[in-house]
Amino acid sequence: MLAKQYEITLPADYDLDVIRRRIAAGAPLLDDRPGLGFKAWLLRERGVDGSPVHQYAPLYVWRSDGEAARFLVGGGGFENIVRDFGRPAVHHWTVLAHFSGPARPHLPLPGAATRRLTTVPVAQDPRALAAHVDGEVEQLRELARHPAVHTAVLALDPSRWELLRFVLHADTDTPAAPAEARDDPTTVRFAVPHLSAPELSALPEGRVW
């Protein structure tokens, strides 16, 4: 499985309703997309939840590498972003773990998402990498038990040795929201206008190896 994200940072005076209309129009095209675990249509609004910018930054988890490739270069949809905003860098991570949270059956559309990026520490002991990842997986497992969590994913970019922790959950203003949604300085918060989840239920549960 692959996680992918690109970020379109917009001018401070940009009308975000343009992006919301784009999402409303484009979401049905991915709601039943083969090979796609989910696409979280993500927005940041300048001045909200500490964001310094307006930003459209969707994140995908693909079950099929081939379908992920078709999306990017095979006429599968990415050409629309390139046409309207230019060609952004697309960040890639290998998915290491996925957990469904208690809110998933009751919260078809999560209200918010958090993205935490951390660097894997350098250590001389070759076993330290596995131990660090195991610890992160267990932390995610515990976080995913929170009543407000919908979905939690851990993934690795080995080109930068960077771990992605991505969590879909209820609105960050609710008392039930996970503590990291407000208190973790490494975490970025997003609104989730829509979640396309054609094969979310087919994602393997827990650590994927």
Protein backbone atom coordinates (compact mmCIF):
# COMPACT_ATOMS: atom_id res chain seq x y z
CA MET A 1 0.00 0.00 0.00
CA LEU A 2 1.11 3.51 -0.78
CA ALA A 3 0.19 6.83 0.84
CA LYS A 4 0.48 9.93 -1.32
CA GLN A 5 -0.09 13.62 -0.68
CA TYR A 6 0.40 16.82 -2.60
CA GLU A 7 -0.08 20.34 -1.26
CA ILE A 8 -1.50 23.29 -3.20
CA THR A 9 -0.80 26.45 -1.18
CA LEU A 10 -3.14 29.25 -2.21
CA PRO A 11 -3.03 33.06 -1.92
CA ALA A 12 -4.22 34.57 1.34
CA ASP A 13 -7.21 36.18 -0.40
CA TYR A 14 -8.18 33.03 -2.32
CA ASP A 15 -11.86 32.08 -2.08
CA LEU A 16 -11.85 28.59 -0.57
CA ASP A 17 -15.41 28.06 -1.76
CA VAL A 18 -13.81 27.50 -5.18
CA ILE A 19 -11.99 24.48 -3.72
CA ARG A 20 -15.08 23.29 -1.87
CA ARG A 21 -17.01 23.33 -5.15
CA ARG A 22 -14.14 21.48 -6.81
CA ILE A 23 -14.33 18.82 -4.12
CA ALA A 24 -18.10 18.48 -4.45
CA ALA A 25 -17.75 18.02 -8.21
CA GLY A 26 -14.77 15.66 -8.11
CA ALA A 27 -15.62 13.45 -5.14
CA PRO A 28 -18.15 11.21 -6.94
CA LEU A 29 -15.45 10.26 -9.46
CA LEU A 30 -13.35 8.69 -6.69
CA ASP A 31 -16.06 7.37 -4.40
CA ASP A 32 -15.96 4.05 -6.28
CA ARG A 33 -12.41 4.14 -7.68
CA PRO A 34 -10.87 0.64 -7.96
CA GLY A 35 -7.63 0.18 -6.01
CA LEU A 36 -8.16 3.22 -3.79
CA GLY A 37 -8.41 2.57 -0.08
CA PHE A 38 -9.39 6.17 0.59
CA LYS A 39 -8.82 9.75 -0.41
CA ALA A 40 -9.17 12.35 2.31
CA TRP A 41 -10.03 15.66 0.65
CA LEU A 42 -8.16 18.02 2.99
CA LEU A 43 -8.28 21.78 3.49
CA ARG A 44 -6.40 24.22 5.67
CA GLU A 45 -7.78 27.72 6.16
CA ARG A 46 -5.52 30.61 7.07
CA GLY A 47 -6.05 31.61 10.71
CA VAL A 48 -8.00 28.45 11.60
CA ASP A 49 -6.46 25.76 13.85
CA GLY A 50 -3.14 27.58 13.70
CA SER A 51 -2.76 27.39 9.92
CA PRO A 52 -0.66 30.21 8.40
CA VAL A 53 -1.95 29.47 4.88
CA HIS A 54 -4.87 28.47 2.71
CA GLN A 55 -4.04 25.02 1.39
CA TYR A 56 -5.64 22.16 -0.51
CA ALA A 57 -3.72 18.99 0.39
CA PRO A 58 -5.53 15.70 -0.34
CA LEU A 59 -4.05 12.49 1.00
CA TYR A 60 -4.55 9.10 -0.65
CA VAL A 61 -3.98 5.54 0.54
CA TRP A 62 -3.85 3.21 -2.47
CA ARG A 63 -4.27 -0.57 -2.21
CA SER A 64 -3.05 -0.99 -5.79
CA ASP A 65 0.33 0.39 -6.89
CA GLY A 66 -0.84 0.12 -10.50
CA GLU A 67 -3.91 2.23 -9.89
CA ALA A 68 -1.78 4.78 -8.04
CA ALA A 69 0.49 4.97 -11.09
CA ARG A 70 -2.48 5.28 -13.45
CA PHE A 71 -3.80 8.16 -11.37
CA LEU A 72 -0.49 10.03 -11.66
CA VAL A 73 0.61 9.39 -15.24
CA GLY A 74 -2.04 7.29 -16.98
CA GLY A 75 -4.79 9.82 -17.39
CA GLY A 76 -6.41 8.80 -14.13
CA GLY A 77 -7.13 12.25 -12.73
CA PHE A 78 -3.90 13.97 -11.70
CA GLU A 79 -3.81 15.82 -15.01
CA ASN A 80 -6.69 17.96 -13.71
CA ILE A 81 -4.53 19.28 -10.87
CA VAL A 82 -1.65 19.93 -13.28
CA ARG A 83 -3.98 21.79 -15.64
CA ASP A 84 -5.41 24.06 -12.94
CA PHE A 85 -2.50 24.57 -10.53
CA GLY A 86 0.67 23.35 -12.20
CA ARG A 87 2.51 20.15 -11.30
CA PRO A 88 3.10 19.84 -7.55
CA ALA A 89 5.55 17.53 -5.82
CA VAL A 90 3.79 14.34 -4.71
CA HIS A 91 5.07 12.91 -1.43
CA HIS A 92 5.11 9.10 -1.16
CA TRP A 93 5.16 6.80 1.84
CA THR A 94 5.00 3.01 2.18
CA VAL A 95 2.14 2.14 4.53
CA LEU A 96 3.32 0.25 7.61
CA ALA A 97 0.11 -0.02 9.62
CA HIS A 98 -3.60 0.79 9.45
CA PHE A 99 -6.18 0.75 12.24
CA SER A 100 -9.90 1.35 12.15
CA GLY A 101 -11.21 3.40 15.06
CA PRO A 102 -14.40 3.15 17.11
CA ALA A 103 -15.93 6.15 15.31
CA ARG A 104 -15.80 4.59 11.83
CA PRO A 105 -19.16 2.80 11.93
CA HIS A 106 -20.88 5.90 13.32
CA LEU A 107 -18.99 8.65 11.48
CA PRO A 108 -19.09 8.11 7.70
CA LEU A 109 -17.58 11.57 7.17
CA PRO A 110 -14.89 12.47 9.73
CA GLY A 111 -14.76 16.17 10.41
CA ALA A 112 -11.02 16.59 10.78
CA ALA A 113 -7.63 15.02 10.18
CA THR A 114 -4.17 15.34 11.66
CA ARG A 115 -0.84 14.71 9.97
CA ARG A 116 2.27 14.18 12.06
CA LEU A 117 5.69 13.95 10.38
CA THR A 118 8.69 12.82 12.40
CA THR A 119 12.24 11.83 11.50
CA VAL A 120 13.42 8.32 12.31
CA PRO A 121 16.42 8.66 14.67
CA VAL A 122 19.81 7.55 13.38
CA ALA A 123 21.35 4.70 15.39
CA GLN A 124 24.33 2.42 14.91
CA ASP A 125 22.39 -0.63 16.01
CA PRO A 126 20.58 -1.94 12.89
CA ARG A 127 17.82 -3.31 15.12
CA ALA A 128 16.98 0.17 16.35
CA LEU A 129 14.92 0.99 13.24
CA ALA A 130 12.62 -1.99 13.77
CA ALA A 131 12.29 -1.18 17.45
CA HIS A 132 11.42 2.45 16.72
CA VAL A 133 8.80 1.49 14.15
CA ASP A 134 7.33 -1.13 16.47
CA GLY A 135 6.97 1.55 19.11
CA GLU A 136 5.24 3.89 16.67
CA VAL A 137 2.86 1.13 15.58
CA GLU A 138 1.91 0.44 19.20
CA GLN A 139 1.38 4.15 19.87
CA LEU A 140 -0.89 4.31 16.84
CA ARG A 141 -2.77 1.20 17.95
CA GLU A 142 -3.44 2.87 21.30
CA LEU A 143 -4.43 6.17 19.68
CA ALA A 144 -6.84 4.34 17.37
CA ARG A 145 -8.80 3.09 20.40
CA HIS A 146 -9.91 6.65 21.16
CA PRO A 147 -13.69 7.02 20.70
CA ALA A 148 -13.26 9.93 18.26
CA VAL A 149 -10.88 8.14 15.87
CA HIS A 150 -12.19 7.00 12.49
CA THR A 151 -8.99 5.75 10.80
CA ALA A 152 -5.28 5.82 11.66
CA VAL A 153 -2.34 5.14 9.34
CA LEU A 154 1.42 4.94 9.81
CA ALA A 155 3.70 5.12 6.77
CA LEU A 156 7.40 5.57 5.97
CA ASP A 157 9.30 7.64 3.40
CA PRO A 158 12.71 5.88 3.29
CA SER A 159 14.21 8.57 1.05
CA ARG A 160 13.99 11.00 3.97
CA TRP A 161 13.55 8.44 6.77
CA GLU A 162 10.37 10.18 7.77
CA LEU A 163 7.31 8.66 9.42
CA LEU A 164 3.82 9.84 8.60
CA ARG A 165 1.08 9.43 11.20
CA PHE A 166 -2.28 10.29 9.67
CA VAL A 167 -5.50 10.20 11.69
CA LEU A 168 -9.08 10.86 10.65
CA HIS A 169 -11.34 11.80 13.53
CA ALA A 170 -14.19 13.96 14.77
CA ASP A 171 -13.91 17.73 14.66
CA THR A 172 -10.86 19.01 16.59
CA ASP A 173 -13.07 21.38 18.61
CA THR A 174 -14.89 18.50 20.30
CA PRO A 175 -13.73 17.40 23.75
CA ALA A 176 -13.47 13.84 22.42
CA ALA A 177 -10.82 14.71 19.85
CA PRO A 178 -7.44 13.01 20.40
CA ALA A 179 -4.98 15.04 22.45
CA GLU A 180 -2.48 15.21 19.58
CA ALA A 181 -5.00 17.19 17.53
CA ARG A 182 -4.35 20.24 19.70
CA ASP A 183 -1.22 19.70 21.75
CA ASP A 184 1.40 18.15 19.47
CA PRO A 185 3.58 20.83 17.83
CA THR A 186 4.61 18.42 15.04
CA THR A 187 1.00 17.93 13.98
CA VAL A 188 -0.84 19.80 11.22
CA ARG A 189 -4.62 19.93 11.32
CA PHE A 190 -6.99 19.78 8.36
CA ALA A 191 -10.71 20.02 7.74
CA VAL A 192 -12.17 17.08 5.78
CA PRO A 193 -14.93 18.29 3.43
CA HIS A 194 -15.26 14.77 1.98
CA LEU A 195 -13.86 11.26 2.32
CA SER A 196 -13.83 8.98 -0.72
CA ALA A 197 -13.41 5.48 0.70
CA PRO A 198 -14.18 2.87 -1.96
CA GLU A 199 -11.91 0.14 -0.51
CA LEU A 200 -11.35 1.38 3.03
CA SER A 201 -12.97 -1.69 4.53
CA ALA A 202 -10.56 -3.91 2.56
CA LEU A 203 -7.39 -2.38 4.02
CA PRO A 204 -5.57 -4.87 6.24
CA GLU A 205 -5.94 -4.20 9.95
CA GLY A 206 -2.87 -3.61 12.07
CA ARG A 207 0.75 -3.88 10.98
CA VAL A 208 0.96 -4.84 7.31
CA TRP A 209 3.97 -7.18 7.44
